[in-house]
PDB file of N, CA and C in Angstrom:
ATOM      1  N   MET A   1      72.297  72.437  93.006  1.00  0.00           N
ATOM      2  CA  MET A   1      72.989  73.402  92.187  1.00  0.00           C
ATOM      3  C   MET A   1      71.982  73.999  91.213  1.00  0.00           C
ATOM      4  N   LEU A   2      72.128  75.300  90.990  1.00  0.00           N
ATOM      5  CA  LEU A   2      71.202  76.007  90.116  1.00  0.00           C
ATOM      6  C   LEU A   2      72.000  76.706  89.032  1.00  0.00           C
ATOM      7  N   ASP A   3      71.699  76.393  87.777  1.00  0.00           N
ATOM      8  CA  ASP A   3      72.371  77.023  86.638  1.00  0.00           C
ATOM      9  C   ASP A   3      71.575  78.270  86.264  1.00  0.00           C
ATOM     10  N   LEU A   4      72.122  79.441  86.623  1.00  0.00           N
ATOM     11  CA  LEU A   4      71.401  80.695  86.401  1.00  0.00           C
ATOM     12  C   LEU A   4      71.197  81.011  84.924  1.00  0.00           C
ATOM     13  N   THR A   5      71.985  80.401  84.063  1.00  0.00           N
ATOM     14  CA  THR A   5      71.791  80.646  82.624  1.00  0.00           C
ATOM     15  C   THR A   5      70.568  79.910  82.089  1.00  0.00           C
ATOM     16  N   GLN A   6      70.029  78.990  82.872  1.00  0.00           N
ATOM     17  CA  GLN A   6      68.898  78.181  82.423  1.00  0.00           C
ATOM     18  C   GLN A   6      67.568  78.550  83.086  1.00  0.00           C
ATOM     19  N   ILE A   7      67.519  79.659  83.804  1.00  0.00           N
ATOM     20  CA  ILE A   7      66.294  79.974  84.551  1.00  0.00           C
ATOM     21  C   ILE A   7      65.136  80.392  83.657  1.00  0.00           C
ATOM     22  N   GLU A   8      65.411  80.759  82.427  1.00  0.00           N
ATOM     23  CA  GLU A   8      64.343  81.203  81.535  1.00  0.00           C
ATOM     24  C   GLU A   8      63.631  80.044  80.831  1.00  0.00           C
ATOM     25  N   THR A   9      64.012  78.841  81.114  1.00  0.00           N
ATOM     26  CA  THR A   9      63.347  77.700  80.462  1.00  0.00           C
ATOM     27  C   THR A   9      61.912  77.544  80.928  1.00  0.00           C
ATOM     28  N   GLY A  10      61.577  78.100  82.083  1.00  0.00           N
ATOM     29  CA  GLY A  10      60.205  78.052  82.570  1.00  0.00           C
ATOM     30  C   GLY A  10      59.946  76.931  83.554  1.00  0.00           C
ATOM     31  N   GLN A  11      60.756  75.908  83.556  1.00  0.00           N
ATOM     32  CA  GLN A  11      60.541  74.765  84.437  1.00  0.00           C
ATOM     33  C   GLN A  11      60.661  75.174  85.905  1.00  0.00           C
ATOM     34  N   LEU A  12      61.696  75.938  86.230  1.00  0.00           N
ATOM     35  CA  LEU A  12      61.900  76.363  87.614  1.00  0.00           C
ATOM     36  C   LEU A  12      60.746  77.254  88.071  1.00  0.00           C
ATOM     37  N   GLN A  13      60.271  78.101  87.187  1.00  0.00           N
ATOM     38  CA  GLN A  13      59.183  79.016  87.553  1.00  0.00           C
ATOM     39  C   GLN A  13      57.921  78.234  87.927  1.00  0.00           C
ATOM     40  N   LYS A  14      57.673  77.156  87.213  1.00  0.00           N
ATOM     41  CA  LYS A  14      56.484  76.338  87.493  1.00  0.00           C
ATOM     42  C   LYS A  14      56.646  75.513  88.763  1.00  0.00           C
ATOM     43  N   GLU A  15      57.837  74.893  88.909  1.00  0.00           N
ATOM     44  CA  GLU A  15      58.051  73.966  90.025  1.00  0.00           C
ATOM     45  C   GLU A  15      58.338  74.668  91.351  1.00  0.00           C
ATOM     46  N   LYS A  16      59.179  75.710  91.304  1.00  0.00           N
ATOM     47  CA  LYS A  16      59.588  76.391  92.539  1.00  0.00           C
ATOM     48  C   LYS A  16      59.625  77.900  92.288  1.00  0.00           C
ATOM     49  N   PRO A  17      58.472  78.531  92.291  1.00  0.00           N
ATOM     50  CA  PRO A  17      58.427  79.964  91.963  1.00  0.00           C
ATOM     51  C   PRO A  17      59.293  80.834  92.893  1.00  0.00           C
ATOM     52  N   GLU A  18      59.321  80.528  94.195  1.00  0.00           N
ATOM     53  CA  GLU A  18      60.124  81.332  95.123  1.00  0.00           C
ATOM     54  C   GLU A  18      61.607  81.261  94.746  1.00  0.00           C
ATOM     55  N   LEU A  19      62.096  80.072  94.454  1.00  0.00           N
ATOM     56  CA  LEU A  19      63.493  79.899  94.028  1.00  0.00           C
ATOM     57  C   LEU A  19      63.733  80.604  92.696  1.00  0.00           C
ATOM     58  N   TYR A  20      62.753  80.551  91.821  1.00  0.00           N
ATOM     59  CA  TYR A  20      62.853  81.218  90.514  1.00  0.00           C
ATOM     60  C   TYR A  20      63.063  82.727  90.717  1.00  0.00           C
ATOM     61  N   TYR A  21      62.292  83.350  91.610  1.00  0.00           N
ATOM     62  CA  TYR A  21      62.431  84.790  91.822  1.00  0.00           C
ATOM     63  C   TYR A  21      63.783  85.148  92.452  1.00  0.00           C
ATOM     64  N   TRP A  22      64.255  84.288  93.352  1.00  0.00           N
ATOM     65  CA  TRP A  22      65.590  84.519  93.909  1.00  0.00           C
ATOM     66  C   TRP A  22      66.655  84.411  92.816  1.00  0.00           C
ATOM     67  N   ALA A  23      66.526  83.432  91.951  1.00  0.00           N
ATOM     68  CA  ALA A  23      67.483  83.267  90.848  1.00  0.00           C
ATOM     69  C   ALA A  23      67.444  84.494  89.935  1.00  0.00           C
ATOM     70  N   LYS A  24      66.232  84.999  89.657  1.00  0.00           N
ATOM     71  CA  LYS A  24      66.089  86.199  88.822  1.00  0.00           C
ATOM     72  C   LYS A  24      66.767  87.404  89.486  1.00  0.00           C
ATOM     73  N   LEU A  25      66.695  87.456  90.818  1.00  0.00           N
ATOM     74  CA  LEU A  25      67.344  88.548  91.543  1.00  0.00           C
ATOM     75  C   LEU A  25      68.850  88.533  91.295  1.00  0.00           C
ATOM     76  N   PHE A  26      69.428  87.337  91.283  1.00  0.00           N
ATOM     77  CA  PHE A  26      70.880  87.227  91.095  1.00  0.00           C
ATOM     78  C   PHE A  26      71.331  87.623  89.690  1.00  0.00           C
ATOM     79  N   VAL A  27      70.453  87.520  88.717  1.00  0.00           N
ATOM     80  CA  VAL A  27      70.839  87.879  87.356  1.00  0.00           C
ATOM     81  C   VAL A  27      70.275  89.242  86.934  1.00  0.00           C
ATOM     82  N   ALA A  28      69.571  89.912  87.847  1.00  0.00           N
ATOM     83  CA  ALA A  28      69.012  91.232  87.526  1.00  0.00           C
ATOM     84  C   ALA A  28      70.129  92.213  87.218  1.00  0.00           C
ATOM     85  N   LYS A  29      69.888  93.063  86.236  1.00  0.00           N
ATOM     86  CA  LYS A  29      70.911  94.023  85.801  1.00  0.00           C
ATOM     87  C   LYS A  29      70.568  95.459  86.188  1.00  0.00           C
ATOM     88  N   THR A  30      69.335  95.722  86.571  1.00  0.00           N
ATOM     89  CA  THR A  30      68.939  97.088  86.919  1.00  0.00           C
ATOM     90  C   THR A  30      68.197  97.100  88.249  1.00  0.00           C
ATOM     91  N   TRP A  31      68.174  98.297  88.862  1.00  0.00           N
ATOM     92  CA  TRP A  31      67.420  98.453  90.105  1.00  0.00           C
ATOM     93  C   TRP A  31      65.932  98.255  89.862  1.00  0.00           C
ATOM     94  N   GLU A  32      65.462  98.610  88.665  1.00  0.00           N
ATOM     95  CA  GLU A  32      64.041  98.444  88.347  1.00  0.00           C
ATOM     96  C   GLU A  32      63.657  96.960  88.370  1.00  0.00           C
ATOM     97  N   GLU A  33      64.522  96.124  87.792  1.00  0.00           N
ATOM     98  CA  GLU A  33      64.265  94.674  87.807  1.00  0.00           C
ATOM     99  C   GLU A  33      64.201  94.173  89.253  1.00  0.00           C
ATOM    100  N   MET A  34      65.140  94.624  90.053  1.00  0.00           N
ATOM    101  CA  MET A  34      65.170  94.191  91.451  1.00  0.00           C
ATOM    102  C   MET A  34      63.932  94.672  92.195  1.00  0.00           C
ATOM    103  N   GLN A  35      63.509  95.900  91.920  1.00  0.00           N
ATOM    104  CA  GLN A  35      62.322  96.449  92.568  1.00  0.00           C
ATOM    105  C   GLN A  35      61.082  95.617  92.226  1.00  0.00           C
ATOM    106  N   MET A  36      60.960  95.235  90.964  1.00  0.00           N
ATOM    107  CA  MET A  36      59.820  94.403  90.552  1.00  0.00           C
ATOM    108  C   MET A  36      59.857  93.050  91.257  1.00  0.00           C
ATOM    109  N   LEU A  37      61.047  92.460  91.366  1.00  0.00           N
ATOM    110  CA  LEU A  37      61.179  91.170  92.040  1.00  0.00           C
ATOM    111  C   LEU A  37      60.889  91.282  93.530  1.00  0.00           C
ATOM    112  N   SER A  38      61.200  92.445  94.119  1.00  0.00           N
ATOM    113  CA  SER A  38      60.976  92.606  95.557  1.00  0.00           C
ATOM    114  C   SER A  38      59.487  92.580  95.897  1.00  0.00           C
ATOM    115  N   GLU A  39      58.648  92.838  94.919  1.00  0.00           N
ATOM    116  CA  GLU A  39      57.197  92.778  95.143  1.00  0.00           C
ATOM    117  C   GLU A  39      56.711  91.334  95.254  1.00  0.00           C
ATOM    118  N   LYS A  40      57.517  90.367  94.834  1.00  0.00           N
ATOM    119  CA  LYS A  40      57.126  88.955  94.843  1.00  0.00           C
ATOM    120  C   LYS A  40      57.316  88.288  96.193  1.00  0.00           C
ATOM    121  N   SER A  41      58.238  88.848  97.007  1.00  0.00           N
ATOM    122  CA  SER A  41      58.560  88.171  98.257  1.00  0.00           C
ATOM    123  C   SER A  41      59.110  89.169  99.262  1.00  0.00           C
ATOM    124  N   GLU A  42      58.713  88.995 100.507  1.00  0.00           N
ATOM    125  CA  GLU A  42      59.219  89.861 101.577  1.00  0.00           C
ATOM    126  C   GLU A  42      60.726  89.650 101.765  1.00  0.00           C
ATOM    127  N   GLY A  43      61.175  88.414 101.652  1.00  0.00           N
ATOM    128  CA  GLY A  43      62.607  88.111 101.782  1.00  0.00           C
ATOM    129  C   GLY A  43      63.420  88.797 100.694  1.00  0.00           C
ATOM    130  N   ILE A  44      62.913  88.755  99.477  1.00  0.00           N
ATOM    131  CA  ILE A  44      63.609  89.421  98.363  1.00  0.00           C
ATOM    132  C   ILE A  44      63.596  90.928  98.588  1.00  0.00           C
ATOM    133  N   GLN A  45      62.474  91.442  99.102  1.00  0.00           N
ATOM    134  CA  GLN A  45      62.381  92.869  99.367  1.00  0.00           C
ATOM    135  C   GLN A  45      63.446  93.298 100.378  1.00  0.00           C
ATOM    136  N   GLU A  46      63.621  92.527 101.434  1.00  0.00           N
ATOM    137  CA  GLU A  46      64.651  92.827 102.429  1.00  0.00           C
ATOM    138  C   GLU A  46      66.047  92.755 101.810  1.00  0.00           C
ATOM    139  N   ALA A  47      66.274  91.757 100.972  1.00  0.00           N
ATOM    140  CA  ALA A  47      67.577  91.603 100.316  1.00  0.00           C
ATOM    141  C   ALA A  47      67.869  92.802  99.415  1.00  0.00           C
ATOM    142  N   VAL A  48      66.876  93.252  98.672  1.00  0.00           N
ATOM    143  CA  VAL A  48      67.059  94.396  97.767  1.00  0.00           C
ATOM    144  C   VAL A  48      67.344  95.660  98.573  1.00  0.00           C
ATOM    145  N   LEU A  49      66.619  95.868  99.666  1.00  0.00           N
ATOM    146  CA  LEU A  49      66.865  97.035 100.519  1.00  0.00           C
ATOM    147  C   LEU A  49      68.277  97.009 101.105  1.00  0.00           C
ATOM    148  N   THR A  50      68.689  95.834 101.573  1.00  0.00           N
ATOM    149  CA  THR A  50      70.047  95.696 102.124  1.00  0.00           C
ATOM    150  C   THR A  50      71.098  95.964 101.050  1.00  0.00           C
ATOM    151  N   LEU A  51      70.868  95.410  99.880  1.00  0.00           N
ATOM    152  CA  LEU A  51      71.807  95.621  98.773  1.00  0.00           C
ATOM    153  C   LEU A  51      71.896  97.104  98.417  1.00  0.00           C
ATOM    154  N   LYS A  52      70.753  97.765  98.406  1.00  0.00           N
ATOM    155  CA  LYS A  52      70.740  99.198  98.096  1.00  0.00           C
ATOM    156  C   LYS A  52      71.505  99.988  99.160  1.00  0.00           C
ATOM    157  N   GLU A  53      71.313  99.658 100.426  1.00  0.00           N
ATOM    158  CA  GLU A  53      72.033 100.330 101.504  1.00  0.00           C
ATOM    159  C   GLU A  53      73.534 100.104 101.382  1.00  0.00           C
ATOM    160  N   LEU A  54      73.923  98.864 101.125  1.00  0.00           N
ATOM    161  CA  LEU A  54      75.343  98.557 100.979  1.00  0.00           C
ATOM    162  C   LEU A  54      75.944  99.286  99.794  1.00  0.00           C
ATOM    163  N   THR A  55      75.196  99.360  98.722  1.00  0.00           N
ATOM    164  CA  THR A  55      75.679 100.064  97.529  1.00  0.00           C
ATOM    165  C   THR A  55      75.833 101.546  97.814  1.00  0.00           C
ATOM    166  N   GLU A  56      74.889 102.132  98.535  1.00  0.00           N
ATOM    167  CA  GLU A  56      74.990 103.546  98.898  1.00  0.00           C
ATOM    168  C   GLU A  56      76.220 103.773  99.765  1.00  0.00           C
ATOM    169  N   ASP A  57      76.445 102.860 100.738  1.00  0.00           N
ATOM    170  CA  ASP A  57      77.644 102.972 101.566  1.00  0.00           C
ATOM    171  C   ASP A  57      78.891 102.908 100.701  1.00  0.00           C
ATOM    172  N   GLU A  58      78.891 102.038  99.714  1.00  0.00           N
ATOM    173  CA  GLU A  58      80.037 101.894  98.820  1.00  0.00           C
ATOM    174  C   GLU A  58      80.238 103.177  98.015  1.00  0.00           C
ATOM    175  N   LYS A  59      79.136 103.780  97.569  1.00  0.00           N
ATOM    176  CA  LYS A  59      79.236 105.039  96.813  1.00  0.00           C
ATOM    177  C   LYS A  59      79.849 106.129  97.680  1.00  0.00           C
ATOM    178  N   ILE A  60      79.402 106.189  98.925  1.00  0.00           N
ATOM    179  CA  ILE A  60      79.948 107.192  99.843  1.00  0.00           C
ATOM    180  C   ILE A  60      81.431 106.931 100.064  1.00  0.00           C
ATOM    181  N   GLN A  61      81.785 105.662 100.220  1.00  0.00           N
ATOM    182  CA  GLN A  61      83.190 105.307 100.414  1.00  0.00           C
ATOM    183  C   GLN A  61      84.013 105.715  99.190  1.00  0.00           C
ATOM    184  N   LEU A  62      83.497 105.460  97.995  1.00  0.00           N
ATOM    185  CA  LEU A  62      84.208 105.846  96.778  1.00  0.00           C
ATOM    186  C   LEU A  62      84.353 107.355  96.680  1.00  0.00           C
ATOM    187  N   GLN A  63      83.324 108.084  97.094  1.00  0.00           N
ATOM    188  CA  GLN A  63      83.410 109.542  97.086  1.00  0.00           C
ATOM    189  C   GLN A  63      84.479 110.025  98.068  1.00  0.00           C
ATOM    190  N   CYS A  64      84.539 109.395  99.228  1.00  0.00           N
ATOM    191  CA  CYS A  64      85.555 109.758 100.217  1.00  0.00           C
ATOM    192  C   CYS A  64      86.956 109.464  99.684  1.00  0.00           C
ATOM    193  N   GLU A  65      87.112 108.311  99.064  1.00  0.00           N
ATOM    194  CA  GLU A  65      88.413 107.951  98.494  1.00  0.00           C
ATOM    195  C   GLU A  65      88.805 108.927  97.390  1.00  0.00           C
ATOM    196  N   ALA A  66      87.838 109.320  96.571  1.00  0.00           N
ATOM    197  CA  ALA A  66      88.118 110.279  95.496  1.00  0.00           C
ATOM    198  C   ALA A  66      88.537 111.621  96.092  1.00  0.00           C
ATOM    199  N   ARG A  67      87.879 112.042  97.162  1.00  0.00           N
ATOM    200  CA  ARG A  67      88.231 113.301  97.823  1.00  0.00           C
ATOM    201  C   ARG A  67      89.627 113.228  98.407  1.00  0.00           C
ATOM    202  N   GLU A  68      89.958 112.111  99.058  1.00  0.00           N
ATOM    203  CA  GLU A  68      91.299 111.933  99.616  1.00  0.00           C
ATOM    204  C   GLU A  68      92.350 111.985  98.519  1.00  0.00           C
ATOM    205  N   MET A  69      92.068 111.332  97.395  1.00  0.00           N
ATOM    206  CA  MET A  69      93.018 111.326  96.280  1.00  0.00           C
ATOM    207  C   MET A  69      93.198 112.751  95.745  1.00  0.00           C
ATOM    208  N   TYR A  70      92.099 113.495  95.639  1.00  0.00           N
ATOM    209  CA  TYR A  70      92.169 114.883  95.181  1.00  0.00           C
ATOM    210  C   TYR A  70      93.039 115.710  96.125  1.00  0.00           C
ATOM    211  N   GLU A  71      92.793 115.580  97.429  1.00  0.00           N
ATOM    212  CA  GLU A  71      93.565 116.348  98.406  1.00  0.00           C
ATOM    213  C   GLU A  71      95.036 115.958  98.377  1.00  0.00           C
ATOM    214  N   HIS A  72      95.314 114.678  98.214  1.00  0.00           N
ATOM    215  CA  HIS A  72      96.704 114.216  98.118  1.00  0.00           C
ATOM    216  C   HIS A  72      97.374 114.798  96.878  1.00  0.00           C
ATOM    217  N   THR A  73      96.652 114.784  95.758  1.00  0.00           N
ATOM    218  CA  THR A  73      97.194 115.321  94.509  1.00  0.00           C
ATOM    219  C   THR A  73      97.475 116.812  94.644  1.00  0.00           C
ATOM    220  N   MET A  74      96.541 117.539  95.263  1.00  0.00           N
ATOM    221  CA  MET A  74      96.733 118.979  95.440  1.00  0.00           C
ATOM    222  C   MET A  74      97.918 119.266  96.360  1.00  0.00           C
ATOM    223  N   ALA A  75      98.056 118.479  97.429  1.00  0.00           N
ATOM    224  CA  ALA A  75      99.181 118.673  98.347  1.00  0.00           C
ATOM    225  C   ALA A  75     100.503 118.377  97.641  1.00  0.00           C
ATOM    226  N   SER A  76     100.510 117.340  96.817  1.00  0.00           N
ATOM    227  CA  SER A  76     101.724 117.009  96.057  1.00  0.00           C
ATOM    228  C   SER A  76     102.062 118.123  95.082  1.00  0.00           C
ATOM    229  N   ALA A  77     101.041 118.658  94.422  1.00  0.00           N
ATOM    230  CA  ALA A  77     101.266 119.752  93.467  1.00  0.00           C
ATOM    231  C   ALA A  77     101.796 120.983  94.194  1.00  0.00           C
ATOM    232  N   GLU A  78     101.262 121.235  95.382  1.00  0.00           N
ATOM    233  CA  GLU A  78     101.723 122.383  96.157  1.00  0.00           C
ATOM    234  C   GLU A  78     103.179 122.204  96.573  1.00  0.00           C
ATOM    235  N   ARG A  79     103.515 120.981  97.050  1.00  0.00           N
ATOM    236  CA  ARG A  79     104.912 120.709  97.419  1.00  0.00           C
ATOM    237  C   ARG A  79     105.830 120.855  96.220  1.00  0.00           C
ATOM    238  N   PHE A  80     105.389 120.309  95.086  1.00  0.00           N
ATOM    239  CA  PHE A  80     106.198 120.421  93.869  1.00  0.00           C
ATOM    240  C   PHE A  80     106.372 121.885  93.497  1.00  0.00           C
ATOM    241  N   GLY A  81     105.315 122.658  93.616  1.00  0.00           N
ATOM    242  CA  GLY A  81     105.385 124.087  93.290  1.00  0.00           C
ATOM    243  C   GLY A  81     106.377 124.822  94.174  1.00  0.00           C
ATOM    244  N   ARG A  82     106.359 124.483  95.457  1.00  0.00           N
ATOM    245  CA  ARG A  82     107.308 125.116  96.371  1.00  0.00           C
ATOM    246  C   ARG A  82     108.747 124.748  96.021  1.00  0.00           C
ATOM    247  N   ILE A  83     108.971 123.476  95.772  1.00  0.00           N
ATOM    248  CA  ILE A  83     110.321 123.017  95.428  1.00  0.00           C
ATOM    249  C   ILE A  83     110.784 123.691  94.142  1.00  0.00           C
ATOM    250  N   GLU A  84     109.892 123.713  93.144  1.00  0.00           N
ATOM    251  CA  GLU A  84     110.230 124.336  91.856  1.00  0.00           C
ATOM    252  C   GLU A  84     110.478 125.833  92.035  1.00  0.00           C
ATOM    253  N   GLY A  85     109.663 126.467  92.879  1.00  0.00           N
ATOM    254  CA  GLY A  85     109.829 127.901  93.141  1.00  0.00           C
ATOM    255  C   GLY A  85     111.164 128.192  93.807  1.00  0.00           C
ATOM    256  N   LYS A  86     111.535 127.353  94.769  1.00  0.00           N
ATOM    257  CA  LYS A  86     112.837 127.540  95.425  1.00  0.00           C
ATOM    258  C   LYS A  86     113.977 127.378  94.428  1.00  0.00           C
ATOM    259  N   ARG A  87     113.849 126.363  93.584  1.00  0.00           N
ATOM    260  CA  ARG A  87     114.888 126.124  92.583  1.00  0.00           C
ATOM    261  C   ARG A  87     115.020 127.322  91.649  1.00  0.00           C
ATOM    262  N   GLU A  88     113.890 127.805  91.162  1.00  0.00           N
ATOM    263  CA  GLU A  88     113.917 128.958  90.257  1.00  0.00           C
ATOM    264  C   GLU A  88     114.447 130.195  90.972  1.00  0.00           C
ATOM    265  N   GLY A  89     114.081 130.339  92.258  1.00  0.00           N
ATOM    266  CA  GLY A  89     114.576 131.477  93.034  1.00  0.00           C
ATOM    267  C   GLY A  89     116.088 131.439  93.197  1.00  0.00           C
ATOM    268  N   LYS A  90     116.627 130.260  93.444  1.00  0.00           N
ATOM    269  CA  LYS A  90     118.078 130.132  93.568  1.00  0.00           C
ATOM    270  C   LYS A  90     118.773 130.490  92.259  1.00  0.00           C
ATOM    271  N   ILE A  91     118.228 129.997  91.162  1.00  0.00           N
ATOM    272  CA  ILE A  91     118.820 130.293  89.856  1.00  0.00           C
ATOM    273  C   ILE A  91     118.764 131.791  89.587  1.00  0.00           C
ATOM    274  N   GLU A  92     117.603 132.397  89.870  1.00  0.00           N
ATOM    275  CA  GLU A  92     117.458 133.837  89.648  1.00  0.00           C
ATOM    276  C   GLU A  92     118.445 134.612  90.508  1.00  0.00           C
ATOM    277  N   GLY A  93     118.624 134.157  91.772  1.00  0.00           N
ATOM    278  CA  GLY A  93     119.587 134.812  92.655  1.00  0.00           C
ATOM    279  C   GLY A  93     121.007 134.719  92.122  1.00  0.00           C
ATOM    280  N   LYS A  94     121.362 133.556  91.595  1.00  0.00           N
ATOM    281  CA  LYS A  94     122.699 133.377  91.016  1.00  0.00           C
ATOM    282  C   LYS A  94     122.881 134.285  89.806  1.00  0.00           C
ATOM    283  N   ARG A  95     121.845 134.399  89.012  1.00  0.00           N
ATOM    284  CA  ARG A  95     121.933 135.247  87.814  1.00  0.00           C
ATOM    285  C   ARG A  95     122.070 136.726  88.204  1.00  0.00           C
ATOM    286  N   GLU A  96     121.337 137.158  89.235  1.00  0.00           N
ATOM    287  CA  GLU A  96     121.447 138.542  89.703  1.00  0.00           C
ATOM    288  C   GLU A  96     122.842 138.821  90.241  1.00  0.00           C
ATOM    289  N   THR A  97     123.363 137.837  90.988  1.00  0.00           N
ATOM    290  CA  THR A  97     124.718 137.987  91.512  1.00  0.00           C
ATOM    291  C   THR A  97     125.723 138.082  90.366  1.00  0.00           C
ATOM    292  N   ALA A  98     125.552 137.225  89.349  1.00  0.00           N
ATOM    293  CA  ALA A  98     126.451 137.249  88.196  1.00  0.00           C
ATOM    294  C   ALA A  98     126.362 138.590  87.477  1.00  0.00           C
ATOM    295  N   GLU A  99     125.170 139.154  87.362  1.00  0.00           N
ATOM    296  CA  GLU A  99     125.013 140.466  86.717  1.00  0.00           C
ATOM    297  C   GLU A  99     125.821 141.526  87.469  1.00  0.00           C
ATOM    298  N   LYS A 100     125.714 141.542  88.799  1.00  0.00           N
ATOM    299  CA  LYS A 100     126.454 142.508  89.609  1.00  0.00           C
ATOM    300  C   LYS A 100     127.961 142.318  89.438  1.00  0.00           C
ATOM    301  N   MET A 101     128.364 141.050  89.427  1.00  0.00           N
ATOM    302  CA  MET A 101     129.789 140.761  89.289  1.00  0.00           C
ATOM    303  C   MET A 101     130.302 141.201  87.926  1.00  0.00           C
ATOM    304  N   LEU A 102     129.497 140.990  86.888  1.00  0.00           N
ATOM    305  CA  LEU A 102     129.900 141.440  85.547  1.00  0.00           C
ATOM    306  C   LEU A 102     129.993 142.964  85.492  1.00  0.00           C
ATOM    307  N   ARG A 103     129.030 143.648  86.114  1.00  0.00           N
ATOM    308  CA  ARG A 103     129.060 145.124  86.128  1.00  0.00           C
ATOM    309  C   ARG A 103     130.291 145.650  86.878  1.00  0.00           C
ATOM    310  N   ASP A 104     130.716 144.879  87.885  1.00  0.00           N
ATOM    311  CA  ASP A 104     131.897 145.285  88.653  1.00  0.00           C
ATOM    312  C   ASP A 104     133.193 144.876  87.966  1.00  0.00           C
ATOM    313  N   GLY A 105     133.071 144.231  86.800  1.00  0.00           N
ATOM    314  CA  GLY A 105     134.253 143.892  86.016  1.00  0.00           C
ATOM    315  C   GLY A 105     134.961 142.617  86.428  1.00  0.00           C
ATOM    316  N   MET A 106     134.309 141.771  87.170  1.00  0.00           N
ATOM    317  CA  MET A 106     134.952 140.517  87.575  1.00  0.00           C
ATOM    318  C   MET A 106     135.050 139.584  86.377  1.00  0.00           C
ATOM    319  N   ASP A 107     136.077 138.740  86.394  1.00  0.00           N
ATOM    320  CA  ASP A 107     136.249 137.828  85.256  1.00  0.00           C
ATOM    321  C   ASP A 107     135.333 136.613  85.388  1.00  0.00           C
ATOM    322  N   ASP A 108     135.150 135.916  84.258  1.00  0.00           N
ATOM    323  CA  ASP A 108     134.212 134.795  84.175  1.00  0.00           C
ATOM    324  C   ASP A 108     134.544 133.654  85.134  1.00  0.00           C
ATOM    325  N   GLU A 109     135.830 133.396  85.349  1.00  0.00           N
ATOM    326  CA  GLU A 109     136.227 132.304  86.245  1.00  0.00           C
ATOM    327  C   GLU A 109     135.741 132.557  87.672  1.00  0.00           C
ATOM    328  N   GLN A 110     135.885 133.786  88.127  1.00  0.00           N
ATOM    329  CA  GLN A 110     135.430 134.125  89.479  1.00  0.00           C
ATOM    330  C   GLN A 110     133.905 134.019  89.570  1.00  0.00           C
ATOM    331  N   ILE A 111     133.227 134.477  88.532  1.00  0.00           N
ATOM    332  CA  ILE A 111     131.766 134.423  88.526  1.00  0.00           C
ATOM    333  C   ILE A 111     131.310 132.961  88.578  1.00  0.00           C
ATOM    334  N   GLN A 112     131.972 132.108  87.787  1.00  0.00           N
ATOM    335  CA  GLN A 112     131.630 130.680  87.806  1.00  0.00           C
ATOM    336  C   GLN A 112     131.884 130.088  89.190  1.00  0.00           C
ATOM    337  N   LYS A 113     132.999 130.461  89.783  1.00  0.00           N
ATOM    338  CA  LYS A 113     133.373 129.922  91.084  1.00  0.00           C
ATOM    339  C   LYS A 113     132.341 130.269  92.160  1.00  0.00           C
ATOM    340  N   TYR A 114     131.883 131.508  92.187  1.00  0.00           N
ATOM    341  CA  TYR A 114     130.993 131.963  93.254  1.00  0.00           C
ATOM    342  C   TYR A 114     129.496 131.727  92.980  1.00  0.00           C
ATOM    343  N   THR A 115     129.119 131.571  91.726  1.00  0.00           N
ATOM    344  CA  THR A 115     127.698 131.376  91.414  1.00  0.00           C
ATOM    345  C   THR A 115     127.367 129.948  90.991  1.00  0.00           C
ATOM    346  N   GLY A 116     128.358 129.236  90.468  1.00  0.00           N
ATOM    347  CA  GLY A 116     128.105 127.890  89.965  1.00  0.00           C
ATOM    348  C   GLY A 116     127.462 127.888  88.586  1.00  0.00           C
ATOM    349  N   LEU A 117     127.357 129.068  87.973  1.00  0.00           N
ATOM    350  CA  LEU A 117     126.771 129.150  86.633  1.00  0.00           C
ATOM    351  C   LEU A 117     127.784 128.686  85.593  1.00  0.00           C
ATOM    352  N   SER A 118     127.272 128.204  84.476  1.00  0.00           N
ATOM    353  CA  SER A 118     128.154 127.765  83.392  1.00  0.00           C
ATOM    354  C   SER A 118     128.634 128.977  82.589  1.00  0.00           C
ATOM    355  N   GLN A 119     129.656 128.742  81.792  1.00  0.00           N
ATOM    356  CA  GLN A 119     130.174 129.811  80.937  1.00  0.00           C
ATOM    357  C   GLN A 119     129.085 130.304  79.978  1.00  0.00           C
ATOM    358  N   LYS A 120     128.280 129.372  79.500  1.00  0.00           N
ATOM    359  CA  LYS A 120     127.194 129.734  78.580  1.00  0.00           C
ATOM    360  C   LYS A 120     126.191 130.652  79.275  1.00  0.00           C
ATOM    361  N   ASP A 121     125.835 130.331  80.535  1.00  0.00           N
ATOM    362  CA  ASP A 121     124.908 131.172  81.299  1.00  0.00           C
ATOM    363  C   ASP A 121     125.485 132.579  81.475  1.00  0.00           C
ATOM    364  N   ILE A 122     126.763 132.654  81.785  1.00  0.00           N
ATOM    365  CA  ILE A 122     127.421 133.959  82.009  1.00  0.00           C
ATOM    366  C   ILE A 122     127.411 134.769  80.712  1.00  0.00           C
ATOM    367  N   GLU A 123     127.651 134.096  79.607  1.00  0.00           N
ATOM    368  CA  GLU A 123     127.627 134.801  78.313  1.00  0.00           C
ATOM    369  C   GLU A 123     126.224 135.303  77.994  1.00  0.00           C
ATOM    370  N   GLU A 124     125.213 134.524  78.309  1.00  0.00           N
ATOM    371  CA  GLU A 124     123.831 134.967  78.092  1.00  0.00           C
ATOM    372  C   GLU A 124     123.519 136.204  78.928  1.00  0.00           C
ATOM    373  N   ILE A 125     123.976 136.196  80.179  1.00  0.00           N
ATOM    374  CA  ILE A 125     123.743 137.337  81.065  1.00  0.00           C
ATOM    375  C   ILE A 125     124.481 138.558  80.535  1.00  0.00           C
ATOM    376  N   ARG A 126     125.723 138.385  80.102  1.00  0.00           N
ATOM    377  CA  ARG A 126     126.515 139.479  79.542  1.00  0.00           C
ATOM    378  C   ARG A 126     125.797 140.079  78.334  1.00  0.00           C
ATOM    379  N   TYR A 127     125.209 139.220  77.516  1.00  0.00           N
ATOM    380  CA  TYR A 127     124.512 139.675  76.308  1.00  0.00           C
ATOM    381  C   TYR A 127     123.286 140.520  76.655  1.00  0.00           C
ATOM    382  N   THR A 128     122.594 140.160  77.748  1.00  0.00           N
ATOM    383  CA  THR A 128     121.401 140.920  78.140  1.00  0.00           C
ATOM    384  C   THR A 128     121.714 142.232  78.824  1.00  0.00           C
ATOM    385  N   LEU A 129     122.953 142.407  79.285  1.00  0.00           N
ATOM    386  CA  LEU A 129     123.321 143.671  79.971  1.00  0.00           C
ATOM    387  C   LEU A 129     123.473 144.771  79.015  1.00  0.00           C
TER     388      LEU A 129
END
């Protein structure tokens, strides 16, 4: 067992330098640190290259996922826009019908019956005429 928090004591570096460099690789925080360690051993160099390739693949995967999420969001917004547009169109159509009915002198009850508009909506339309 190797306690990675204790690798800086120097004992491991003296006794088992190859193991010390591998341990340093596991606690490295930057690509620069890993690059420096890869110069110490061919095995570490291969590990760093593999890690870099895997990380690049992961970045590409994250970019693809982000693109999919963007496209999904845009499609949802488009669907919502269509639904909202239809709803607004229906309301506008009912209001236009109510305007015609008011101009023709129909009473409010008939207008409510055929348009589904509330009495308040009909009064607003009457006010704008």
